[in-house]
Amino acid sequence: MIGERLRKVRIIKGYSQDYIASFLEISQAAYSDIETGKTKVNIERLKKIAVFLEVKLNELLEFDERKIFSMEKERKTEQINDIMMLEVLFEKERELYKEQINNLKNEIVYLRNKLDKI
């Protein structure tokens, strides 16, 4: 039962068994045995898996596929919003640099003119 929940959350999150297994420092086959119920998982390893999957342990034990999917969608939406905000900030920073470059170019022209008069 817990193995099936782990499998569903893993799939929702888009992770391979191999990827999670490497995090847990076990083989893919050993992780597969956890998901299929061939191997029981202790609470410490379950906690580690929950951390990796970015879910609370009780959410994993009281698995609700819609809730996990919704949380993952919300997390990805937040990431997209963060990226969009960074793009806006970088564009503002770029504009400030362009303005500074133009100011420096104007200063160079001004100083060259001053030198020509000497």
N, C-alpha and C. Protein backbone atom coordinates (compact mmCIF):
# COMPACT_ATOMS: atom_id res chain seq x y z
N MET A 1 0.81 -1.19 0.00
CA MET A 1 0.00 0.00 0.00
C MET A 1 0.86 1.26 0.00
N ILE A 2 1.84 1.36 0.91
CA ILE A 2 2.70 2.54 0.94
C ILE A 2 3.55 2.59 -0.32
N GLY A 3 3.94 1.43 -0.81
CA GLY A 3 4.73 1.38 -2.04
C GLY A 3 3.98 1.97 -3.22
N GLU A 4 2.71 1.65 -3.32
CA GLU A 4 1.88 2.19 -4.41
C GLU A 4 1.76 3.71 -4.27
N ARG A 5 1.65 4.19 -3.05
CA ARG A 5 1.58 5.64 -2.82
C ARG A 5 2.89 6.30 -3.25
N LEU A 6 4.00 5.68 -2.88
CA LEU A 6 5.30 6.21 -3.28
C LEU A 6 5.41 6.28 -4.80
N ARG A 7 4.96 5.22 -5.46
CA ARG A 7 5.01 5.18 -6.92
C ARG A 7 4.19 6.32 -7.53
N LYS A 8 2.97 6.51 -7.02
CA LYS A 8 2.11 7.56 -7.57
C LYS A 8 2.70 8.94 -7.37
N VAL A 9 3.22 9.21 -6.17
CA VAL A 9 3.82 10.52 -5.92
C VAL A 9 5.05 10.72 -6.80
N ARG A 10 5.85 9.67 -6.93
CA ARG A 10 7.05 9.76 -7.77
C ARG A 10 6.67 10.10 -9.20
N ILE A 11 5.64 9.45 -9.71
CA ILE A 11 5.20 9.71 -11.09
C ILE A 11 4.65 11.12 -11.22
N ILE A 12 3.85 11.56 -10.25
CA ILE A 12 3.32 12.93 -10.28
C ILE A 12 4.46 13.94 -10.29
N LYS A 13 5.50 13.68 -9.51
CA LYS A 13 6.64 14.59 -9.43
C LYS A 13 7.54 14.50 -10.65
N GLY A 14 7.39 13.42 -11.42
CA GLY A 14 8.18 13.28 -12.63
C GLY A 14 9.57 12.70 -12.42
N TYR A 15 9.76 11.94 -11.34
CA TYR A 15 11.06 11.36 -11.04
C TYR A 15 11.10 9.89 -11.47
N SER A 16 12.29 9.45 -11.84
CA SER A 16 12.48 8.03 -12.15
C SER A 16 12.84 7.29 -10.86
N GLN A 17 12.66 5.99 -10.88
CA GLN A 17 13.07 5.18 -9.73
C GLN A 17 14.58 5.32 -9.51
N ASP A 18 15.32 5.36 -10.59
CA ASP A 18 16.77 5.46 -10.50
C ASP A 18 17.20 6.75 -9.82
N TYR A 19 16.50 7.84 -10.13
CA TYR A 19 16.83 9.15 -9.55
C TYR A 19 16.62 9.15 -8.04
N ILE A 20 15.48 8.62 -7.60
CA ILE A 20 15.21 8.55 -6.16
C ILE A 20 16.17 7.58 -5.49
N ALA A 21 16.42 6.45 -6.14
CA ALA A 21 17.33 5.45 -5.57
C ALA A 21 18.72 6.05 -5.35
N SER A 22 19.20 6.86 -6.29
CA SER A 22 20.53 7.46 -6.12
C SER A 22 20.53 8.41 -4.93
N PHE A 23 19.43 9.14 -4.72
CA PHE A 23 19.32 10.02 -3.55
C PHE A 23 19.36 9.20 -2.25
N LEU A 24 18.70 8.06 -2.27
CA LEU A 24 18.65 7.19 -1.08
C LEU A 24 19.90 6.34 -0.92
N GLU A 25 20.76 6.39 -1.95
CA GLU A 25 21.99 5.60 -1.97
C GLU A 25 21.70 4.10 -1.93
N ILE A 26 20.71 3.71 -2.74
CA ILE A 26 20.38 2.30 -2.93
C ILE A 26 20.25 2.06 -4.43
N SER A 27 20.16 0.81 -4.82
CA SER A 27 20.02 0.50 -6.24
C SER A 27 18.58 0.77 -6.70
N GLN A 28 18.44 0.90 -8.00
CA GLN A 28 17.10 1.09 -8.56
C GLN A 28 16.23 -0.12 -8.25
N ALA A 29 16.83 -1.31 -8.31
CA ALA A 29 16.08 -2.54 -8.03
C ALA A 29 15.59 -2.56 -6.58
N ALA A 30 16.43 -2.08 -5.66
CA ALA A 30 16.03 -2.03 -4.25
C ALA A 30 14.88 -1.05 -4.06
N TYR A 31 14.94 0.08 -4.77
CA TYR A 31 13.84 1.04 -4.66
C TYR A 31 12.57 0.46 -5.28
N SER A 32 12.72 -0.22 -6.39
CA SER A 32 11.57 -0.86 -7.04
C SER A 32 10.90 -1.85 -6.09
N ASP A 33 11.72 -2.58 -5.33
CA ASP A 33 11.18 -3.54 -4.36
C ASP A 33 10.36 -2.83 -3.28
N ILE A 34 10.76 -1.61 -2.92
CA ILE A 34 9.99 -0.82 -1.95
C ILE A 34 8.63 -0.48 -2.54
N GLU A 35 8.63 0.01 -3.79
CA GLU A 35 7.37 0.40 -4.43
C GLU A 35 6.43 -0.77 -4.65
N THR A 36 6.99 -1.93 -4.95
CA THR A 36 6.13 -3.09 -5.22
C THR A 36 5.75 -3.83 -3.94
N GLY A 37 6.32 -3.42 -2.81
CA GLY A 37 5.98 -4.05 -1.54
C GLY A 37 6.79 -5.28 -1.22
N LYS A 38 7.77 -5.61 -2.06
CA LYS A 38 8.63 -6.77 -1.79
C LYS A 38 9.52 -6.51 -0.58
N THR A 39 9.87 -5.24 -0.39
CA THR A 39 10.69 -4.84 0.75
C THR A 39 9.93 -3.83 1.58
N LYS A 40 9.89 -4.06 2.88
CA LYS A 40 9.24 -3.08 3.76
C LYS A 40 10.19 -1.91 3.95
N VAL A 41 9.60 -0.74 4.08
CA VAL A 41 10.40 0.47 4.25
C VAL A 41 10.27 0.94 5.70
N ASN A 42 11.43 1.22 6.33
CA ASN A 42 11.38 1.69 7.72
C ASN A 42 11.03 3.18 7.75
N ILE A 43 10.68 3.67 8.90
CA ILE A 43 10.19 5.04 9.05
C ILE A 43 11.28 6.06 8.70
N GLU A 44 12.52 5.76 9.01
CA GLU A 44 13.61 6.70 8.70
C GLU A 44 13.77 6.87 7.19
N ARG A 45 13.74 5.75 6.48
CA ARG A 45 13.86 5.84 5.02
C ARG A 45 12.63 6.52 4.44
N LEU A 46 11.47 6.24 5.01
CA LEU A 46 10.23 6.87 4.55
C LEU A 46 10.30 8.38 4.74
N LYS A 47 10.87 8.82 5.86
CA LYS A 47 11.04 10.26 6.10
C LYS A 47 11.96 10.86 5.04
N LYS A 48 13.03 10.15 4.73
CA LYS A 48 13.99 10.63 3.73
C LYS A 48 13.33 10.73 2.35
N ILE A 49 12.51 9.75 2.02
CA ILE A 49 11.78 9.77 0.75
C ILE A 49 10.81 10.95 0.72
N ALA A 50 10.12 11.18 1.83
CA ALA A 50 9.17 12.30 1.91
C ALA A 50 9.88 13.63 1.70
N VAL A 51 11.06 13.78 2.30
CA VAL A 51 11.84 15.00 2.11
C VAL A 51 12.20 15.16 0.64
N PHE A 52 12.67 14.08 0.03
CA PHE A 52 13.05 14.12 -1.38
C PHE A 52 11.86 14.49 -2.26
N LEU A 53 10.71 13.91 -1.98
CA LEU A 53 9.52 14.16 -2.79
C LEU A 53 8.82 15.47 -2.43
N GLU A 54 9.35 16.16 -1.43
CA GLU A 54 8.81 17.45 -0.98
C GLU A 54 7.35 17.33 -0.54
N VAL A 55 7.08 16.29 0.24
CA VAL A 55 5.76 16.10 0.84
C VAL A 55 5.97 15.79 2.32
N LYS A 56 4.96 16.10 3.11
CA LYS A 56 5.03 15.77 4.53
C LYS A 56 4.79 14.28 4.68
N LEU A 57 5.39 13.72 5.70
CA LEU A 57 5.26 12.28 5.94
C LEU A 57 3.81 11.87 6.08
N ASN A 58 3.02 12.66 6.83
CA ASN A 58 1.61 12.29 7.00
C ASN A 58 0.84 12.38 5.68
N GLU A 59 1.25 13.28 4.78
CA GLU A 59 0.60 13.34 3.47
C GLU A 59 0.90 12.08 2.67
N LEU A 60 2.10 11.56 2.86
CA LEU A 60 2.47 10.33 2.18
C LEU A 60 1.70 9.14 2.74
N LEU A 61 1.52 9.14 4.06
CA LEU A 61 0.79 8.04 4.70
C LEU A 61 -0.71 8.13 4.45
N GLU A 62 -1.22 9.35 4.33
CA GLU A 62 -2.65 9.57 4.07
C GLU A 62 -2.82 10.05 2.63
N PHE A 63 -2.22 9.37 1.72
CA PHE A 63 -2.10 9.78 0.33
C PHE A 63 -3.44 10.14 -0.32
N ASP A 64 -3.45 11.33 -0.92
CA ASP A 64 -4.57 11.78 -1.73
C ASP A 64 -3.97 12.30 -3.03
N GLU A 65 -4.13 11.53 -4.08
CA GLU A 65 -3.50 11.84 -5.36
C GLU A 65 -3.83 13.25 -5.84
N ARG A 66 -5.08 13.65 -5.70
CA ARG A 66 -5.48 14.99 -6.15
C ARG A 66 -4.75 16.07 -5.37
N LYS A 67 -4.61 15.85 -4.06
CA LYS A 67 -3.94 16.84 -3.22
C LYS A 67 -2.47 16.96 -3.60
N ILE A 68 -1.80 15.83 -3.78
CA ILE A 68 -0.39 15.84 -4.16
C ILE A 68 -0.23 16.51 -5.52
N PHE A 69 -1.09 16.15 -6.47
CA PHE A 69 -1.02 16.74 -7.81
C PHE A 69 -1.24 18.25 -7.72
N SER A 70 -2.21 18.67 -6.92
CA SER A 70 -2.51 20.09 -6.75
C SER A 70 -1.33 20.82 -6.12
N MET A 71 -0.72 20.22 -5.11
CA MET A 71 0.45 20.83 -4.47
C MET A 71 1.60 20.97 -5.45
N GLU A 72 1.82 19.95 -6.27
CA GLU A 72 2.89 19.99 -7.25
C GLU A 72 2.61 21.06 -8.30
N LYS A 73 1.36 21.16 -8.73
CA LYS A 73 0.99 22.19 -9.70
C LYS A 73 1.22 23.58 -9.11
N GLU A 74 0.84 23.75 -7.85
CA GLU A 74 1.03 25.04 -7.17
C GLU A 74 2.52 25.38 -7.05
N ARG A 75 3.33 24.38 -6.72
CA ARG A 75 4.77 24.60 -6.58
C ARG A 75 5.38 25.01 -7.92
N LYS A 76 4.96 24.34 -8.99
CA LYS A 76 5.50 24.68 -10.31
C LYS A 76 5.02 26.06 -10.76
N THR A 77 3.78 26.41 -10.42
CA THR A 77 3.27 27.74 -10.74
C THR A 77 4.09 28.80 -10.02
N GLU A 78 4.41 28.55 -8.76
CA GLU A 78 5.25 29.49 -7.99
C GLU A 78 6.62 29.63 -8.63
N GLN A 79 7.19 28.52 -9.09
CA GLN A 79 8.49 28.57 -9.74
C GLN A 79 8.42 29.41 -11.02
N ILE A 80 7.36 29.22 -11.79
CA ILE A 80 7.19 29.99 -13.02
C ILE A 80 7.05 31.47 -12.69
N ASN A 81 6.26 31.78 -11.67
CA ASN A 81 6.10 33.18 -11.26
C ASN A 81 7.43 33.78 -10.81
N ASP A 82 8.22 33.01 -10.08
CA ASP A 82 9.53 33.49 -9.65
C ASP A 82 10.42 33.78 -10.85
N ILE A 83 10.39 32.89 -11.83
CA ILE A 83 11.20 33.08 -13.03
C ILE A 83 10.75 34.33 -13.78
N MET A 84 9.45 34.52 -13.89
CA MET A 84 8.94 35.70 -14.58
C MET A 84 9.34 36.97 -13.84
N MET A 85 9.31 36.94 -12.52
CA MET A 85 9.72 38.10 -11.73
C MET A 85 11.20 38.39 -11.93
N LEU A 86 12.01 37.34 -11.97
CA LEU A 86 13.44 37.52 -12.22
C LEU A 86 13.68 38.13 -13.59
N GLU A 87 12.93 37.70 -14.59
CA GLU A 87 13.07 38.28 -15.92
C GLU A 87 12.79 39.77 -15.90
N VAL A 88 11.75 40.18 -15.20
CA VAL A 88 11.41 41.60 -15.09
C VAL A 88 12.54 42.35 -14.39
N LEU A 89 13.04 41.80 -13.29
CA LEU A 89 14.13 42.45 -12.56
C LEU A 89 15.40 42.54 -13.41
N PHE A 90 15.72 41.47 -14.14
CA PHE A 90 16.90 41.49 -14.99
C PHE A 90 16.75 42.51 -16.11
N GLU A 91 15.55 42.64 -16.64
CA GLU A 91 15.31 43.63 -17.70
C GLU A 91 15.50 45.05 -17.16
N LYS A 92 15.01 45.31 -15.97
CA LYS A 92 15.21 46.62 -15.34
C LYS A 92 16.70 46.88 -15.11
N GLU A 93 17.40 45.86 -14.64
CA GLU A 93 18.84 46.00 -14.41
C GLU A 93 19.56 46.26 -15.73
N ARG A 94 19.17 45.57 -16.79
CA ARG A 94 19.75 45.76 -18.12
C ARG A 94 19.56 47.20 -18.59
N GLU A 95 18.36 47.73 -18.37
CA GLU A 95 18.06 49.11 -18.77
C GLU A 95 18.94 50.09 -18.00
N LEU A 96 19.13 49.83 -16.72
CA LEU A 96 20.00 50.70 -15.92
C LEU A 96 21.44 50.66 -16.43
N TYR A 97 21.91 49.48 -16.80
CA TYR A 97 23.26 49.37 -17.36
C TYR A 97 23.37 50.10 -18.69
N LYS A 98 22.36 49.98 -19.53
CA LYS A 98 22.36 50.69 -20.81
C LYS A 98 22.43 52.19 -20.59
N GLU A 99 21.66 52.67 -19.63
CA GLU A 99 21.65 54.10 -19.30
C GLU A 99 23.03 54.53 -18.81
N GLN A 100 23.62 53.71 -17.97
CA GLN A 100 24.95 54.03 -17.44
C GLN A 100 25.99 54.04 -18.57
N ILE A 101 25.89 53.10 -19.49
CA ILE A 101 26.81 53.05 -20.63
C ILE A 101 26.66 54.31 -21.47
N ASN A 102 25.43 54.72 -21.74
CA ASN A 102 25.20 55.93 -22.52
C ASN A 102 25.77 57.15 -21.80
N ASN A 103 25.59 57.22 -20.50
CA ASN A 103 26.16 58.33 -19.73
C ASN A 103 27.67 58.36 -19.84
N LEU A 104 28.29 57.20 -19.77
CA LEU A 104 29.74 57.12 -19.89
C LEU A 104 30.21 57.49 -21.29
N LYS A 105 29.46 57.08 -22.30
CA LYS A 105 29.80 57.46 -23.68
C LYS A 105 29.73 58.98 -23.84
N ASN A 106 28.68 59.57 -23.29
CA ASN A 106 28.55 61.03 -23.36
C ASN A 106 29.69 61.72 -22.62
N GLU A 107 30.09 61.16 -21.50
CA GLU A 107 31.20 61.74 -20.75
C GLU A 107 32.50 61.63 -21.54
N ILE A 108 32.69 60.53 -22.24
CA ILE A 108 33.88 60.36 -23.08
C ILE A 108 33.91 61.42 -24.18
N VAL A 109 32.78 61.62 -24.84
CA VAL A 109 32.69 62.64 -25.89
C VAL A 109 33.01 64.01 -25.31
N TYR A 110 32.44 64.31 -24.18
CA TYR A 110 32.67 65.60 -23.52
C TYR A 110 34.15 65.79 -23.19
N LEU A 111 34.77 64.77 -22.63
CA LEU A 111 36.19 64.86 -22.26
C LEU A 111 37.08 64.96 -23.49
N ARG A 112 36.75 64.28 -24.56
CA ARG A 112 37.53 64.38 -25.81
C ARG A 112 37.45 65.80 -26.36
N ASN A 113 36.26 66.36 -26.31
CA ASN A 113 36.10 67.75 -26.78
C ASN A 113 36.93 68.70 -25.93
N LYS A 114 36.96 68.46 -24.64
CA LYS A 114 37.77 69.30 -23.74
C LYS A 114 39.24 69.19 -24.10
N LEU A 115 39.69 67.94 -24.38
CA LEU A 115 41.09 67.71 -24.75
C LEU A 115 41.43 68.39 -26.07
N ASP A 116 40.51 68.35 -27.01
CA ASP A 116 40.75 68.98 -28.32
C ASP A 116 40.93 70.48 -28.18
N LYS A 117 40.31 71.08 -27.21
CA LYS A 117 40.40 72.53 -27.00
C LYS A 117 41.71 72.93 -26.32
N ILE A 118 42.39 71.97 -25.74
CA ILE A 118 43.64 72.28 -25.03
C ILE A 118 44.79 72.41 -25.98
